[in-house]
Amino acid sequence: MMYIIYRGYRGFFVILPAVFREVYRQLEESDLVMDAYGDEEEEVENGGEVGEKKPLRLRTRITTSILSSILTMSYVVSGGIRVL
């Protein structure tokens, strides 16, 4: 029983945050991911280029976190149902 508790703790509080950090790092480095909430016309008007590297906006990070959490919870619930 202690082993199961340890694995649950390690999964949620050690591995899962590391996975989220890695996903954010890859999003920051990727050229393929665009900021869905950014206004390209506004950037061009202000003198910035559209292809210019900028950090992800807070709204994009929050959306990514929420969607990742929903996906993770669906995996947890489906795994819990299979165990029971």
C-alpha atoms as a PDB file:
ATOM      1  CA  MET A   1       0.000   0.000   0.000  1.00  0.00           C
ATOM      2  CA  MET A   2       2.855   2.415   0.780  1.00  0.00           C
ATOM      3  CA  TYR A   3       4.348   1.744  -2.658  1.00  0.00           C
ATOM      4  CA  ILE A   4       1.091   2.780  -4.362  1.00  0.00           C
ATOM      5  CA  ILE A   5       0.962   5.991  -2.311  1.00  0.00           C
ATOM      6  CA  TYR A   6       4.603   6.724  -3.151  1.00  0.00           C
ATOM      7  CA  ARG A   7       4.012   6.173  -6.875  1.00  0.00           C
ATOM      8  CA  GLY A   8       0.933   8.409  -6.817  1.00  0.00           C
ATOM      9  CA  TYR A   9       2.849  11.159  -5.035  1.00  0.00           C
ATOM     10  CA  ARG A  10       5.781  10.878  -7.407  1.00  0.00           C
ATOM     11  CA  GLY A  11       3.546  10.899 -10.464  1.00  0.00           C
ATOM     12  CA  PHE A  12       1.513  13.956  -9.504  1.00  0.00           C
ATOM     13  CA  PHE A  13       4.080  16.100  -7.719  1.00  0.00           C
ATOM     14  CA  VAL A  14       7.371  15.193  -9.431  1.00  0.00           C
ATOM     15  CA  ILE A  15       6.831  13.765 -12.913  1.00  0.00           C
ATOM     16  CA  LEU A  16       3.744  15.744 -13.985  1.00  0.00           C
ATOM     17  CA  PRO A  17       5.273  19.188 -13.253  1.00  0.00           C
ATOM     18  CA  ALA A  18       8.437  18.126 -15.095  1.00  0.00           C
ATOM     19  CA  VAL A  19       6.338  17.153 -18.116  1.00  0.00           C
ATOM     20  CA  PHE A  20       4.531  20.516 -18.045  1.00  0.00           C
ATOM     21  CA  ARG A  21       7.871  22.375 -17.872  1.00  0.00           C
ATOM     22  CA  GLU A  22       9.174  20.381 -20.845  1.00  0.00           C
ATOM     23  CA  VAL A  23       6.032  21.101 -22.868  1.00  0.00           C
ATOM     24  CA  TYR A  24       6.332  24.841 -22.148  1.00  0.00           C
ATOM     25  CA  ARG A  25      10.016  24.756 -23.100  1.00  0.00           C
ATOM     26  CA  GLN A  26       9.197  23.069 -26.409  1.00  0.00           C
ATOM     27  CA  LEU A  27       6.384  25.553 -27.087  1.00  0.00           C
ATOM     28  CA  GLU A  28       8.756  28.455 -26.484  1.00  0.00           C
ATOM     29  CA  GLU A  29      11.380  27.011 -28.868  1.00  0.00           C
ATOM     30  CA  SER A  30       9.008  25.898 -31.608  1.00  0.00           C
ATOM     31  CA  ASP A  31       8.603  27.881 -34.812  1.00  0.00           C
ATOM     32  CA  LEU A  32       5.419  26.011 -35.678  1.00  0.00           C
ATOM     33  CA  VAL A  33       3.357  27.192 -32.702  1.00  0.00           C
ATOM     34  CA  MET A  34       1.750  30.592 -33.020  1.00  0.00           C
ATOM     35  CA  ASP A  35       0.088  32.641 -30.346  1.00  0.00           C
ATOM     36  CA  ALA A  36      -3.595  32.137 -31.106  1.00  0.00           C
ATOM     37  CA  TYR A  37      -4.557  35.255 -29.161  1.00  0.00           C
ATOM     38  CA  GLY A  38      -1.992  37.546 -30.780  1.00  0.00           C
ATOM     39  CA  ASP A  39      -3.013  40.120 -33.353  1.00  0.00           C
ATOM     40  CA  GLU A  40      -0.690  39.925 -36.351  1.00  0.00           C
ATOM     41  CA  GLU A  41      -1.987  43.173 -37.844  1.00  0.00           C
ATOM     42  CA  GLU A  42      -1.258  45.003 -34.607  1.00  0.00           C
ATOM     43  CA  GLU A  43       2.309  43.683 -34.554  1.00  0.00           C
ATOM     44  CA  VAL A  44       2.955  44.796 -38.132  1.00  0.00           C
ATOM     45  CA  GLU A  45       1.526  48.259 -37.410  1.00  0.00           C
ATOM     46  CA  ASN A  46       3.775  48.633 -34.374  1.00  0.00           C
ATOM     47  CA  GLY A  47       6.883  47.809 -36.393  1.00  0.00           C
ATOM     48  CA  GLY A  48       7.330  44.232 -35.161  1.00  0.00           C
ATOM     49  CA  GLU A  49       7.663  41.410 -37.610  1.00  0.00           C
ATOM     50  CA  VAL A  50       5.143  38.565 -37.667  1.00  0.00           C
ATOM     51  CA  GLY A  51       7.823  35.854 -37.585  1.00  0.00           C
ATOM     52  CA  GLU A  52       9.610  37.460 -34.663  1.00  0.00           C
ATOM     53  CA  LYS A  53      10.248  35.212 -31.629  1.00  0.00           C
ATOM     54  CA  LYS A  54       8.305  36.375 -28.584  1.00  0.00           C
ATOM     55  CA  PRO A  55       7.501  34.604 -25.329  1.00  0.00           C
ATOM     56  CA  LEU A  56       4.075  33.022 -25.040  1.00  0.00           C
ATOM     57  CA  ARG A  57       1.403  35.230 -23.560  1.00  0.00           C
ATOM     58  CA  LEU A  58      -0.108  34.424 -20.190  1.00  0.00           C
ATOM     59  CA  ARG A  59      -3.470  33.617 -21.769  1.00  0.00           C
ATOM     60  CA  THR A  60      -1.842  31.030 -24.061  1.00  0.00           C
ATOM     61  CA  ARG A  61      -0.023  29.434 -21.125  1.00  0.00           C
ATOM     62  CA  ILE A  62      -3.249  29.282 -19.078  1.00  0.00           C
ATOM     63  CA  THR A  63      -5.156  27.711 -21.984  1.00  0.00           C
ATOM     64  CA  THR A  64      -2.404  25.130 -22.473  1.00  0.00           C
ATOM     65  CA  SER A  65      -2.413  24.326 -18.746  1.00  0.00           C
ATOM     66  CA  ILE A  66      -6.183  23.882 -18.607  1.00  0.00           C
ATOM     67  CA  LEU A  67      -6.329  21.654 -21.676  1.00  0.00           C
ATOM     68  CA  SER A  68      -3.359  19.584 -20.470  1.00  0.00           C
ATOM     69  CA  SER A  69      -5.002  19.188 -17.063  1.00  0.00           C
ATOM     70  CA  ILE A  70      -8.262  18.021 -18.646  1.00  0.00           C
ATOM     71  CA  LEU A  71      -6.374  15.459 -20.730  1.00  0.00           C
ATOM     72  CA  THR A  72      -4.368  14.261 -17.724  1.00  0.00           C
ATOM     73  CA  MET A  73      -7.479  13.934 -15.562  1.00  0.00           C
ATOM     74  CA  SER A  74      -9.209  11.919 -18.290  1.00  0.00           C
ATOM     75  CA  TYR A  75      -6.242   9.515 -18.242  1.00  0.00           C
ATOM     76  CA  VAL A  76      -6.405   9.284 -14.431  1.00  0.00           C
ATOM     77  CA  VAL A  77     -10.138   8.634 -14.391  1.00  0.00           C
ATOM     78  CA  SER A  78     -10.003   6.043 -17.169  1.00  0.00           C
ATOM     79  CA  GLY A  79      -7.086   4.303 -15.439  1.00  0.00           C
ATOM     80  CA  GLY A  80      -8.942   4.342 -12.124  1.00  0.00           C
ATOM     81  CA  ILE A  81     -12.024   2.825 -13.735  1.00  0.00           C
ATOM     82  CA  ARG A  82      -9.935   0.031 -15.262  1.00  0.00           C
ATOM     83  CA  VAL A  83      -8.357  -0.769 -11.898  1.00  0.00           C
ATOM     84  CA  LEU A  84     -11.712  -0.980 -10.162  1.00  0.00           C
END
